[in-house]
Amino acid sequence: MEKWEPQEALAPDWNVAPTKEVHAVIDRPLKGTGDPRPVRQMRKLKWGLVPSWAQSPDLGAKMINARAETVHEKPAFRRPFTSRRCLLPADGYYEWCTARNELMLEQEGKRKRPRKQPYFVTPADGSVMAMAGLYEFWRDSTLPDGHPHAWWTTCTVVTTDAETAPLAGDSGEDGPKSLAEIHPRMPLMLLPEVWDAWLDPARRSQEELRALLEPPPPGTMRAYPVSTEVSNVRNNGPELLHELTGPEVGTLF
């Protein structure tokens, strides 16, 4: 497999949110070369998959995640699942957890918007995670051929059931003991040994592809509380990853 080498360092994004551009690794022929052989390359994609048949790109905001259990059969995802798969590299991801006492107040009708504590979930060994993703092309019919924004390239993150096994490391007395205690779903992180198979556009068997959608071994990830400043997408800096000594809004487990 020929690989394309980036010519410049990639600028970090400390607070990636839906509809923003993300970096994705894909295997695809290089545009304009006339060579049909796929080349491994990194592209910028907009997070929120817009199906090729969509009437409007607004649908993408609802397509930020694809469930691994049904990705092969959903109309928006089944075509890219068999031919347009990608890897989405990241140091980790944020997930929000509602404090138990806040959830009780919400259920009792005493609080309309319960406070949530953000956590940063990251590989315990400090490596970069590669999330399984799909990408798709969408043509804006309102724009003429050759217009720089006539074609959209968008993506979605494949998710699976969150781990119920203990998290790696010490999450503290008041911290969650598993990813499932933070959120019932998690991005599906693929291990290096399946990257080539997942990216290979010639691999189209649904049975073979679904077999690749296996989460990493239990205990691969750790999670720690971070500032609620991350809840505002306008905030974007390395300070958002600063590890707090405990939940900021009193999330008790």
C-alpha atoms as a PDB file:
ATOM      1  CA  MET A   1       0.000   0.000   0.000  1.00  0.00           C
ATOM      2  CA  GLU A   2       1.439   3.331  -1.098  1.00  0.00           C
ATOM      3  CA  LYS A   3       1.185   6.042   1.548  1.00  0.00           C
ATOM      4  CA  TRP A   4       0.850   9.789   1.169  1.00  0.00           C
ATOM      5  CA  GLU A   5       3.070  11.781   3.511  1.00  0.00           C
ATOM      6  CA  PRO A   6       1.677  15.052   4.922  1.00  0.00           C
ATOM      7  CA  GLN A   7       3.754  18.103   4.112  1.00  0.00           C
ATOM      8  CA  GLU A   8       2.942  20.048   7.270  1.00  0.00           C
ATOM      9  CA  ALA A   9       2.094  19.470  10.919  1.00  0.00           C
ATOM     10  CA  LEU A  10      -1.602  19.282  11.759  1.00  0.00           C
ATOM     11  CA  ALA A  11      -2.972  21.974  14.038  1.00  0.00           C
ATOM     12  CA  PRO A  12      -4.517  20.556  17.228  1.00  0.00           C
ATOM     13  CA  ASP A  13      -8.193  20.937  18.042  1.00  0.00           C
ATOM     14  CA  TRP A  14      -8.830  20.642  21.761  1.00  0.00           C
ATOM     15  CA  ASN A  15     -12.614  20.736  21.545  1.00  0.00           C
ATOM     16  CA  VAL A  16     -13.960  18.900  18.500  1.00  0.00           C
ATOM     17  CA  ALA A  17     -17.726  19.178  18.133  1.00  0.00           C
ATOM     18  CA  PRO A  18     -20.245  17.916  15.567  1.00  0.00           C
ATOM     19  CA  THR A  19     -20.213  19.741  12.192  1.00  0.00           C
ATOM     20  CA  LYS A  20     -16.560  20.742  12.674  1.00  0.00           C
ATOM     21  CA  GLU A  21     -13.837  19.457  10.358  1.00  0.00           C
ATOM     22  CA  VAL A  22     -11.858  16.451  11.584  1.00  0.00           C
ATOM     23  CA  HIS A  23      -8.862  14.582  10.206  1.00  0.00           C
ATOM     24  CA  ALA A  24      -9.507  11.120   8.820  1.00  0.00           C
ATOM     25  CA  VAL A  25      -7.295   8.390   7.381  1.00  0.00           C
ATOM     26  CA  ILE A  26      -8.654   6.778   4.211  1.00  0.00           C
ATOM     27  CA  ASP A  27      -7.483   4.446   1.438  1.00  0.00           C
ATOM     28  CA  ARG A  28      -8.543   5.989  -1.874  1.00  0.00           C
ATOM     29  CA  PRO A  29      -7.025   6.785  -5.305  1.00  0.00           C
ATOM     30  CA  LEU A  30      -5.417  10.208  -5.400  1.00  0.00           C
ATOM     31  CA  LYS A  31      -7.629  12.703  -7.192  1.00  0.00           C
ATOM     32  CA  GLY A  32      -6.394  13.822 -10.600  1.00  0.00           C
ATOM     33  CA  THR A  33      -3.637  11.226 -11.004  1.00  0.00           C
ATOM     34  CA  GLY A  34      -5.530   8.753 -13.170  1.00  0.00           C
ATOM     35  CA  ASP A  35      -4.088   5.924 -11.054  1.00  0.00           C
ATOM     36  CA  PRO A  36      -6.898   3.659  -9.740  1.00  0.00           C
ATOM     37  CA  ARG A  37      -4.763   2.173  -6.974  1.00  0.00           C
ATOM     38  CA  PRO A  38      -5.807   3.267  -3.470  1.00  0.00           C
ATOM     39  CA  VAL A  39      -3.348   5.412  -1.542  1.00  0.00           C
ATOM     40  CA  ARG A  40      -3.400   5.843   2.224  1.00  0.00           C
ATOM     41  CA  GLN A  41      -3.906   9.512   2.952  1.00  0.00           C
ATOM     42  CA  MET A  42      -5.252  11.947   5.498  1.00  0.00           C
ATOM     43  CA  ARG A  43      -8.219  14.110   4.570  1.00  0.00           C
ATOM     44  CA  LYS A  44     -10.328  16.750   6.300  1.00  0.00           C
ATOM     45  CA  LEU A  45     -13.955  15.673   6.648  1.00  0.00           C
ATOM     46  CA  LYS A  46     -16.943  17.389   8.222  1.00  0.00           C
ATOM     47  CA  TRP A  47     -18.266  15.471  11.239  1.00  0.00           C
ATOM     48  CA  GLY A  48     -21.896  14.544  10.595  1.00  0.00           C
ATOM     49  CA  LEU A  49     -22.497  12.220   7.655  1.00  0.00           C
ATOM     50  CA  VAL A  50     -24.725  13.574   4.900  1.00  0.00           C
ATOM     51  CA  PRO A  51     -26.109  10.658   2.819  1.00  0.00           C
ATOM     52  CA  SER A  52     -25.641  11.008  -0.930  1.00  0.00           C
ATOM     53  CA  TRP A  53     -29.430  10.956  -1.368  1.00  0.00           C
ATOM     54  CA  ALA A  54     -30.144  13.692   1.197  1.00  0.00           C
ATOM     55  CA  GLN A  55     -32.061  16.738  -0.009  1.00  0.00           C
ATOM     56  CA  SER A  56     -30.241  18.998   2.443  1.00  0.00           C
ATOM     57  CA  PRO A  57     -26.922  18.836   4.324  1.00  0.00           C
ATOM     58  CA  ASP A  58     -28.835  19.630   7.518  1.00  0.00           C
ATOM     59  CA  LEU A  59     -29.377  15.887   7.962  1.00  0.00           C
ATOM     60  CA  GLY A  60     -25.697  15.526   8.822  1.00  0.00           C
ATOM     61  CA  ALA A  61     -26.193  17.029  12.277  1.00  0.00           C
ATOM     62  CA  LYS A  62     -28.253  13.938  13.167  1.00  0.00           C
ATOM     63  CA  MET A  63     -25.722  11.496  11.712  1.00  0.00           C
ATOM     64  CA  ILE A  64     -22.690  12.025  13.941  1.00  0.00           C
ATOM     65  CA  ASN A  65     -22.756   8.414  15.182  1.00  0.00           C
ATOM     66  CA  ALA A  66     -23.524   5.035  13.609  1.00  0.00           C
ATOM     67  CA  ARG A  67     -24.333   2.066  15.819  1.00  0.00           C
ATOM     68  CA  ALA A  68     -22.046  -0.893  15.118  1.00  0.00           C
ATOM     69  CA  GLU A  69     -24.951  -3.277  15.636  1.00  0.00           C
ATOM     70  CA  THR A  70     -27.033  -1.831  12.778  1.00  0.00           C
ATOM     71  CA  VAL A  71     -24.569   0.103  10.596  1.00  0.00           C
ATOM     72  CA  HIS A  72     -24.794  -2.500   7.816  1.00  0.00           C
ATOM     73  CA  GLU A  73     -28.555  -2.097   7.387  1.00  0.00           C
ATOM     74  CA  LYS A  74     -29.387   1.568   7.998  1.00  0.00           C
ATOM     75  CA  PRO A  75     -30.076   3.452   4.725  1.00  0.00           C
ATOM     76  CA  ALA A  76     -27.706   6.303   5.608  1.00  0.00           C
ATOM     77  CA  PHE A  77     -24.780   4.044   6.450  1.00  0.00           C
ATOM     78  CA  ARG A  78     -24.979   0.734   4.574  1.00  0.00           C
ATOM     79  CA  ARG A  79     -23.369   2.019   1.350  1.00  0.00           C
ATOM     80  CA  PRO A  80     -20.387   3.751   2.986  1.00  0.00           C
ATOM     81  CA  PHE A  81     -20.029   0.751   5.310  1.00  0.00           C
ATOM     82  CA  THR A  82     -19.235  -1.475   2.344  1.00  0.00           C
ATOM     83  CA  SER A  83     -17.026   0.949   0.411  1.00  0.00           C
ATOM     84  CA  ARG A  84     -16.059   4.146   2.277  1.00  0.00           C
ATOM     85  CA  ARG A  85     -14.570   3.440   5.676  1.00  0.00           C
ATOM     86  CA  CYS A  86     -12.064   5.566   7.536  1.00  0.00           C
ATOM     87  CA  LEU A  87     -10.104   5.867  10.756  1.00  0.00           C
ATOM     88  CA  LEU A  88     -10.509   8.945  12.931  1.00  0.00           C
ATOM     89  CA  PRO A  89      -7.364   9.479  15.024  1.00  0.00           C
ATOM     90  CA  ALA A  90      -7.636  11.223  18.382  1.00  0.00           C
ATOM     91  CA  ASP A  91      -5.901  11.441  21.733  1.00  0.00           C
ATOM     92  CA  GLY A  92      -9.272  10.735  23.308  1.00  0.00           C
ATOM     93  CA  TYR A  93     -12.804  12.044  23.544  1.00  0.00           C
ATOM     94  CA  TYR A  94     -15.054  13.883  25.969  1.00  0.00           C
ATOM     95  CA  GLU A  95     -18.138  12.368  27.490  1.00  0.00           C
ATOM     96  CA  TRP A  96     -20.617  13.934  29.908  1.00  0.00           C
ATOM     97  CA  CYS A  97     -22.089  12.242  32.947  1.00  0.00           C
ATOM     98  CA  THR A  98     -25.111  13.339  34.956  1.00  0.00           C
ATOM     99  CA  ALA A  99     -24.627  13.218  38.733  1.00  0.00           C
ATOM    100  CA  ARG A 100     -26.953  10.770  40.420  1.00  0.00           C
ATOM    101  CA  ASN A 101     -28.413  13.414  42.706  1.00  0.00           C
ATOM    102  CA  GLU A 102     -28.928  15.689  39.678  1.00  0.00           C
ATOM    103  CA  LEU A 103     -30.693  12.868  37.830  1.00  0.00           C
ATOM    104  CA  MET A 104     -33.026  12.338  40.789  1.00  0.00           C
ATOM    105  CA  LEU A 105     -33.900  16.040  40.843  1.00  0.00           C
ATOM    106  CA  GLU A 106     -34.654  15.925  37.124  1.00  0.00           C
ATOM    107  CA  GLN A 107     -36.887  12.868  37.531  1.00  0.00           C
ATOM    108  CA  GLU A 108     -38.730  14.584  40.365  1.00  0.00           C
ATOM    109  CA  GLY A 109     -39.290  17.644  38.192  1.00  0.00           C
ATOM    110  CA  LYS A 110     -37.155  19.850  40.445  1.00  0.00           C
ATOM    111  CA  ARG A 111     -34.463  20.541  37.856  1.00  0.00           C
ATOM    112  CA  LYS A 112     -35.067  20.972  34.110  1.00  0.00           C
ATOM    113  CA  ARG A 113     -31.428  20.947  33.038  1.00  0.00           C
ATOM    114  CA  PRO A 114     -29.305  18.754  35.325  1.00  0.00           C
ATOM    115  CA  ARG A 115     -25.644  19.614  35.614  1.00  0.00           C
ATOM    116  CA  LYS A 116     -23.233  17.250  33.892  1.00  0.00           C
ATOM    117  CA  GLN A 117     -19.583  16.502  34.596  1.00  0.00           C
ATOM    118  CA  PRO A 118     -17.327  16.122  31.539  1.00  0.00           C
ATOM    119  CA  TYR A 119     -14.716  13.367  31.440  1.00  0.00           C
ATOM    120  CA  PHE A 120     -11.831  12.875  29.054  1.00  0.00           C
ATOM    121  CA  VAL A 121     -11.529   9.254  27.917  1.00  0.00           C
ATOM    122  CA  THR A 122      -8.140   8.243  26.542  1.00  0.00           C
ATOM    123  CA  PRO A 123      -5.967   5.124  26.048  1.00  0.00           C
ATOM    124  CA  ALA A 124      -4.252   4.311  29.336  1.00  0.00           C
ATOM    125  CA  ASP A 125      -0.901   3.756  27.623  1.00  0.00           C
ATOM    126  CA  GLY A 126      -0.858   7.268  26.164  1.00  0.00           C
ATOM    127  CA  SER A 127      -1.201   6.122  22.556  1.00  0.00           C
ATOM    128  CA  VAL A 128      -3.386   7.698  19.872  1.00  0.00           C
ATOM    129  CA  MET A 129      -6.717   5.957  19.426  1.00  0.00           C
ATOM    130  CA  ALA A 130      -8.179   5.223  15.999  1.00  0.00           C
ATOM    131  CA  MET A 131     -11.969   5.338  15.949  1.00  0.00           C
ATOM    132  CA  ALA A 132     -13.854   3.415  13.284  1.00  0.00           C
ATOM    133  CA  GLY A 133     -15.612   5.795  10.924  1.00  0.00           C
ATOM    134  CA  LEU A 134     -17.493   6.015   7.635  1.00  0.00           C
ATOM    135  CA  TYR A 135     -17.405   8.799   5.061  1.00  0.00           C
ATOM    136  CA  GLU A 136     -19.664   9.885   2.234  1.00  0.00           C
ATOM    137  CA  PHE A 137     -19.862  12.412  -0.619  1.00  0.00           C
ATOM    138  CA  TRP A 138     -22.780  14.784  -1.094  1.00  0.00           C
ATOM    139  CA  ARG A 139     -23.341  17.079  -4.090  1.00  0.00           C
ATOM    140  CA  ASP A 140     -24.887  20.493  -3.460  1.00  0.00           C
ATOM    141  CA  SER A 141     -27.148  20.812  -6.497  1.00  0.00           C
ATOM    142  CA  THR A 142     -27.587  24.540  -5.938  1.00  0.00           C
ATOM    143  CA  LEU A 143     -23.964  25.196  -6.911  1.00  0.00           C
ATOM    144  CA  PRO A 144     -22.411  24.943 -10.408  1.00  0.00           C
ATOM    145  CA  ASP A 145     -19.798  22.388 -11.447  1.00  0.00           C
ATOM    146  CA  GLY A 146     -16.337  23.454 -10.397  1.00  0.00           C
ATOM    147  CA  HIS A 147     -17.523  25.446  -7.396  1.00  0.00           C
ATOM    148  CA  PRO A 148     -15.172  24.816  -4.417  1.00  0.00           C
ATOM    149  CA  HIS A 149     -18.115  23.961  -2.149  1.00  0.00           C
ATOM    150  CA  ALA A 150     -20.147  21.923  -4.635  1.00  0.00           C
ATOM    151  CA  TRP A 151     -19.067  18.653  -3.012  1.00  0.00           C
ATOM    152  CA  TRP A 152     -19.219  17.874   0.701  1.00  0.00           C
ATOM    153  CA  THR A 153     -17.213  15.056   2.268  1.00  0.00           C
ATOM    154  CA  THR A 154     -18.648  14.092   5.639  1.00  0.00           C
ATOM    155  CA  CYS A 155     -18.141  11.358   8.205  1.00  0.00           C
ATOM    156  CA  THR A 156     -19.636   9.574  11.179  1.00  0.00           C
ATOM    157  CA  VAL A 157     -18.166   7.741  14.183  1.00  0.00           C
ATOM    158  CA  VAL A 158     -19.075   4.087  14.711  1.00  0.00           C
ATOM    159  CA  THR A 159     -20.154   3.424  18.310  1.00  0.00           C
ATOM    160  CA  THR A 160     -20.778   0.348  20.435  1.00  0.00           C
ATOM    161  CA  ASP A 161     -21.933  -0.540  23.943  1.00  0.00           C
ATOM    162  CA  ALA A 162     -19.729   1.056  26.573  1.00  0.00           C
ATOM    163  CA  GLU A 163     -17.477  -1.210  28.602  1.00  0.00           C
ATOM    164  CA  THR A 164     -18.741  -2.385  31.952  1.00  0.00           C
ATOM    165  CA  ALA A 165     -15.297  -3.660  32.993  1.00  0.00           C
ATOM    166  CA  PRO A 166     -13.212  -1.519  35.375  1.00  0.00           C
ATOM    167  CA  LEU A 167     -11.388   1.432  33.882  1.00  0.00           C
ATOM    168  CA  ALA A 168      -7.604   1.440  33.848  1.00  0.00           C
ATOM    169  CA  GLY A 169      -5.952   3.485  36.566  1.00  0.00           C
ATOM    170  CA  ASP A 170      -7.400   5.023  39.687  1.00  0.00           C
ATOM    171  CA  SER A 171     -10.591   6.976  39.053  1.00  0.00           C
ATOM    172  CA  GLY A 172     -10.790   8.100  42.679  1.00  0.00           C
ATOM    173  CA  GLU A 173     -13.396   7.492  45.344  1.00  0.00           C
ATOM    174  CA  ASP A 174     -16.015   9.662  43.632  1.00  0.00           C
ATOM    175  CA  GLY A 175     -15.168   8.760  40.035  1.00  0.00           C
ATOM    176  CA  PRO A 176     -16.837   6.302  37.660  1.00  0.00           C
ATOM    177  CA  LYS A 177     -15.593   2.733  37.769  1.00  0.00           C
ATOM    178  CA  SER A 178     -16.392   1.917  34.142  1.00  0.00           C
ATOM    179  CA  LEU A 179     -17.157   3.681  30.871  1.00  0.00           C
ATOM    180  CA  ALA A 180     -20.754   2.460  31.141  1.00  0.00           C
ATOM    181  CA  GLU A 181     -21.152   4.537  34.314  1.00  0.00           C
ATOM    182  CA  ILE A 182     -20.345   7.650  32.283  1.00  0.00           C
ATOM    183  CA  HIS A 183     -22.393   6.905  29.142  1.00  0.00           C
ATOM    184  CA  PRO A 184     -24.058   3.749  27.724  1.00  0.00           C
ATOM    185  CA  ARG A 185     -22.245   4.097  24.361  1.00  0.00           C
ATOM    186  CA  MET A 186     -18.627   4.644  23.326  1.00  0.00           C
ATOM    187  CA  PRO A 187     -16.726   5.217  20.070  1.00  0.00           C
ATOM    188  CA  LEU A 188     -15.432   1.950  18.656  1.00  0.00           C
ATOM    189  CA  MET A 189     -11.644   2.061  18.870  1.00  0.00           C
ATOM    190  CA  LEU A 190      -9.968  -0.290  16.404  1.00  0.00           C
ATOM    191  CA  LEU A 191      -6.664  -1.964  17.214  1.00  0.00           C
ATOM    192  CA  PRO A 192      -3.711  -1.597  14.788  1.00  0.00           C
ATOM    193  CA  GLU A 193      -3.949  -5.194  13.588  1.00  0.00           C
ATOM    194  CA  VAL A 194      -7.287  -4.513  11.851  1.00  0.00           C
ATOM    195  CA  TRP A 195      -6.567  -1.046  10.431  1.00  0.00           C
ATOM    196  CA  ASP A 196      -5.528  -2.317   6.995  1.00  0.00           C
ATOM    197  CA  ALA A 197      -8.573  -4.551   6.644  1.00  0.00           C
ATOM    198  CA  TRP A 198     -10.960  -1.811   7.777  1.00  0.00           C
ATOM    199  CA  LEU A 199      -9.547   0.748   5.336  1.00  0.00           C
ATOM    200  CA  ASP A 200      -9.287  -1.620   2.352  1.00  0.00           C
ATOM    201  CA  PRO A 201     -11.955  -0.417  -0.157  1.00  0.00           C
ATOM    202  CA  ALA A 202     -11.829  -3.791  -1.918  1.00  0.00           C
ATOM    203  CA  ARG A 203     -13.127  -5.549   1.189  1.00  0.00           C
ATOM    204  CA  ARG A 204     -16.918  -5.472   0.804  1.00  0.00           C
ATOM    205  CA  SER A 205     -18.241  -8.565   2.574  1.00  0.00           C
ATOM    206  CA  GLN A 206     -20.604  -7.406   5.300  1.00  0.00           C
ATOM    207  CA  GLU A 207     -19.854 -10.506   7.325  1.00  0.00           C
ATOM    208  CA  GLU A 208     -16.097  -9.880   7.214  1.00  0.00           C
ATOM    209  CA  LEU A 209     -16.485  -6.185   7.932  1.00  0.00           C
ATOM    210  CA  ARG A 210     -18.801  -6.703  10.884  1.00  0.00           C
ATOM    211  CA  ALA A 211     -16.269  -9.120  12.346  1.00  0.00           C
ATOM    212  CA  LEU A 212     -13.777  -6.237  12.502  1.00  0.00           C
ATOM    213  CA  LEU A 213     -16.046  -4.202  14.770  1.00  0.00           C
ATOM    214  CA  GLU A 214     -14.643  -5.543  18.007  1.00  0.00           C
ATOM    215  CA  PRO A 215     -13.853  -3.165  20.874  1.00  0.00           C
ATOM    216  CA  PRO A 216     -10.385  -3.189  22.470  1.00  0.00           C
ATOM    217  CA  PRO A 217      -9.671  -5.437  25.487  1.00  0.00           C
ATOM    218  CA  PRO A 218     -11.283  -4.342  28.772  1.00  0.00           C
ATOM    219  CA  GLY A 219      -9.176  -1.909  30.746  1.00  0.00           C
ATOM    220  CA  THR A 220      -7.618  -0.280  27.678  1.00  0.00           C
ATOM    221  CA  MET A 221      -9.084   3.137  28.490  1.00  0.00           C
ATOM    222  CA  ARG A 222      -8.909   5.496  31.427  1.00  0.00           C
ATOM    223  CA  ALA A 223     -11.189   8.443  32.176  1.00  0.00           C
ATOM    224  CA  TYR A 224     -10.648  11.525  34.290  1.00  0.00           C
ATOM    225  CA  PRO A 225     -12.748  14.611  35.081  1.00  0.00           C
ATOM    226  CA  VAL A 226     -12.021  17.885  33.289  1.00  0.00           C
ATOM    227  CA  SER A 227     -13.330  21.426  33.580  1.00  0.00           C
ATOM    228  CA  THR A 228     -16.885  22.206  32.523  1.00  0.00           C
ATOM    229  CA  GLU A 229     -15.302  24.852  30.275  1.00  0.00           C
ATOM    230  CA  VAL A 230     -15.173  22.132  27.613  1.00  0.00           C
ATOM    231  CA  SER A 231     -18.961  22.235  27.446  1.00  0.00           C
ATOM    232  CA  ASN A 232     -18.679  25.532  25.553  1.00  0.00           C
ATOM    233  CA  VAL A 233     -17.402  24.836  22.033  1.00  0.00           C
ATOM    234  CA  ARG A 234     -15.913  28.336  21.870  1.00  0.00           C
ATOM    235  CA  ASN A 235     -13.337  27.261  24.435  1.00  0.00           C
ATOM    236  CA  ASN A 236     -10.425  25.558  22.695  1.00  0.00           C
ATOM    237  CA  GLY A 237      -7.045  25.106  24.304  1.00  0.00           C
ATOM    238  CA  PRO A 238      -4.790  22.538  26.024  1.00  0.00           C
ATOM    239  CA  GLU A 239      -6.070  23.607  29.440  1.00  0.00           C
ATOM    240  CA  LEU A 240      -9.295  21.736  28.665  1.00  0.00           C
ATOM    241  CA  LEU A 241      -7.400  18.443  29.093  1.00  0.00           C
ATOM    242  CA  HIS A 242      -6.136  19.341  32.568  1.00  0.00           C
ATOM    243  CA  GLU A 243      -6.990  16.493  34.931  1.00  0.00           C
ATOM    244  CA  LEU A 244      -9.056  17.515  37.935  1.00  0.00           C
ATOM    245  CA  THR A 245      -8.610  15.827  41.291  1.00  0.00           C
ATOM    246  CA  GLY A 246     -12.331  15.110  41.451  1.00  0.00           C
ATOM    247  CA  PRO A 247     -15.661  15.815  39.744  1.00  0.00           C
ATOM    248  CA  GLU A 248     -16.289  19.551  39.421  1.00  0.00           C
ATOM    249  CA  VAL A 249     -20.045  19.328  39.861  1.00  0.00           C
ATOM    250  CA  GLY A 250     -20.227  16.619  42.473  1.00  0.00           C
ATOM    251  CA  THR A 251     -20.832  13.528  40.380  1.00  0.00           C
ATOM    252  CA  LEU A 252     -21.013  10.773  42.962  1.00  0.00           C
ATOM    253  CA  PHE A 253     -20.959   7.045  42.199  1.00  0.00           C
END
